[in-house]
Amino acid sequence: VAEGIVGKTSFNAIHREGVIKVDCFPLKDDAFNAAEFARRKRVTLGDFDTVIVSREDLIIAKLLWARESRSAVRLGDVRNLLAGDIDDVYVNDWVARLGLEGVLASARQ
């Protein structure tokens, strides 16, 4: 956890008894991550309150991760997320700002 926070890299928290894995992403110092953090959603899961990333920001993050690898899994994740109700204007704005048009086109194939 400490290495992830200091290095601003992702890490996992795992509850072994409940077999629950949570992906944690420390806040980075860029415009997209600031917007992503500002748009986070508060949710309650049973008796547990937390915040999660919005669907739109998850799409953009997965596109960023897939930019280098063109991972079929990540592109499939994006395809599935695009099938839901999303703010297309927001997603398309960030896709253009981050130069992700080609990755998004691959995800839509």
Protein backbone atom coordinates (compact mmCIF):
# COMPACT_ATOMS: atom_id res chain seq x y z
CA VAL A 1 0.00 0.00 0.00
CA ALA A 2 2.74 2.45 0.98
CA GLU A 3 4.68 1.79 -2.25
CA GLY A 4 1.52 2.32 -4.31
CA ILE A 5 0.70 5.59 -2.60
CA VAL A 6 4.24 6.96 -2.79
CA GLY A 7 4.72 5.80 -6.40
CA LYS A 8 1.13 6.65 -7.39
CA THR A 9 0.65 3.16 -8.78
CA SER A 10 -2.33 0.86 -8.32
CA PHE A 11 -2.50 -1.78 -5.61
CA ASN A 12 -5.04 -4.28 -4.31
CA ALA A 13 -6.74 -4.69 -0.97
CA ILE A 14 -7.88 -8.28 -0.44
CA HIS A 15 -10.21 -9.59 2.24
CA ARG A 16 -9.27 -13.26 2.32
CA GLU A 17 -12.18 -14.54 4.40
CA GLY A 18 -14.78 -12.83 2.22
CA VAL A 19 -12.75 -13.37 -0.97
CA ILE A 20 -13.16 -9.71 -1.91
CA LYS A 21 -10.56 -7.83 -3.97
CA VAL A 22 -10.58 -4.05 -4.32
CA ASP A 23 -8.41 -2.23 -6.86
CA CYS A 24 -7.00 1.02 -5.44
CA PHE A 25 -5.63 3.83 -7.59
CA PRO A 26 -3.86 6.74 -5.86
CA LEU A 27 -4.75 10.18 -7.23
CA LYS A 28 -2.28 11.40 -9.86
CA ASP A 29 -1.50 15.04 -10.62
CA ASP A 30 -3.17 15.53 -13.99
CA ALA A 31 -6.39 17.05 -15.33
CA PHE A 32 -8.14 13.76 -16.09
CA ASN A 33 -7.48 12.27 -12.65
CA ALA A 34 -8.67 15.49 -10.99
CA ALA A 35 -11.91 15.32 -12.99
CA GLU A 36 -12.26 11.60 -12.28
CA PHE A 37 -11.85 12.21 -8.53
CA ALA A 38 -14.35 15.07 -8.55
CA ARG A 39 -16.95 12.83 -10.26
CA ARG A 40 -16.59 9.86 -7.92
CA LYS A 41 -19.84 8.28 -6.68
CA ARG A 42 -20.73 7.47 -3.09
CA VAL A 43 -22.32 4.02 -2.77
CA THR A 44 -23.49 1.75 0.01
CA LEU A 45 -22.88 -1.98 -0.27
CA GLY A 46 -24.75 -3.65 2.56
CA ASP A 47 -23.50 -1.84 5.64
CA PHE A 48 -20.35 -0.54 3.90
CA ASP A 49 -20.13 3.03 2.54
CA THR A 50 -17.46 3.87 -0.03
CA VAL A 51 -16.79 5.83 -3.19
CA ILE A 52 -16.30 4.41 -6.67
CA VAL A 53 -15.31 5.78 -10.05
CA SER A 54 -18.08 6.79 -12.47
CA ARG A 55 -18.84 4.55 -15.44
CA GLU A 56 -17.57 7.23 -17.85
CA ASP A 57 -14.29 7.67 -16.01
CA LEU A 58 -13.78 3.91 -15.84
CA ILE A 59 -14.21 3.78 -19.62
CA ILE A 60 -11.59 6.50 -20.10
CA ALA A 61 -9.18 4.89 -17.62
CA LYS A 62 -9.48 1.52 -19.36
CA LEU A 63 -8.84 3.21 -22.71
CA LEU A 64 -5.69 4.78 -21.24
CA TRP A 65 -4.52 1.39 -19.96
CA ALA A 66 -5.31 -0.25 -23.31
CA ARG A 67 -3.52 2.43 -25.34
CA GLU A 68 -0.19 0.62 -25.12
CA SER A 69 -1.26 -3.01 -24.81
CA ARG A 70 -4.44 -3.06 -26.92
CA SER A 71 -5.48 -5.74 -24.45
CA ALA A 72 -8.51 -7.65 -25.74
CA VAL A 73 -9.75 -7.94 -22.14
CA ARG A 74 -9.62 -4.18 -21.50
CA LEU A 75 -11.13 -3.38 -24.90
CA GLY A 76 -13.90 -5.88 -24.15
CA ASP A 77 -14.45 -4.20 -20.79
CA VAL A 78 -14.81 -0.84 -22.56
CA ARG A 79 -17.23 -2.35 -25.08
CA ASN A 80 -19.39 -3.69 -22.24
CA LEU A 81 -19.28 -0.40 -20.33
CA LEU A 82 -20.28 1.54 -23.45
CA ALA A 83 -23.45 -0.57 -23.67
CA GLY A 84 -24.80 1.10 -20.52
CA ASP A 85 -26.19 4.56 -19.96
CA ILE A 86 -23.27 7.00 -20.23
CA ASP A 87 -22.58 10.68 -20.78
CA ASP A 88 -21.29 10.46 -24.36
CA VAL A 89 -20.32 14.14 -24.47
CA TYR A 90 -18.07 13.75 -21.41
CA VAL A 91 -16.46 10.54 -22.71
CA ASN A 92 -15.89 11.92 -26.21
CA ASP A 93 -14.40 15.15 -24.81
CA TRP A 94 -11.80 13.24 -22.75
CA VAL A 95 -11.13 10.76 -25.57
CA ALA A 96 -10.26 13.71 -27.83
CA ARG A 97 -8.22 15.52 -25.16
CA LEU A 98 -6.19 12.39 -24.40
CA GLY A 99 -5.78 11.24 -28.01
CA LEU A 100 -7.67 7.99 -27.47
CA GLU A 101 -9.80 8.00 -30.62
CA GLY A 102 -8.03 4.98 -32.14
CA VAL A 103 -8.28 2.96 -28.95
CA LEU A 104 -11.98 3.76 -28.65
CA ALA A 105 -12.51 2.72 -32.27
CA SER A 106 -10.78 -0.61 -31.52
CA ALA A 107 -13.05 -1.13 -28.51
CA ARG A 108 -16.14 -0.54 -30.64
CA GLN A 109 -15.16 -3.20 -33.21
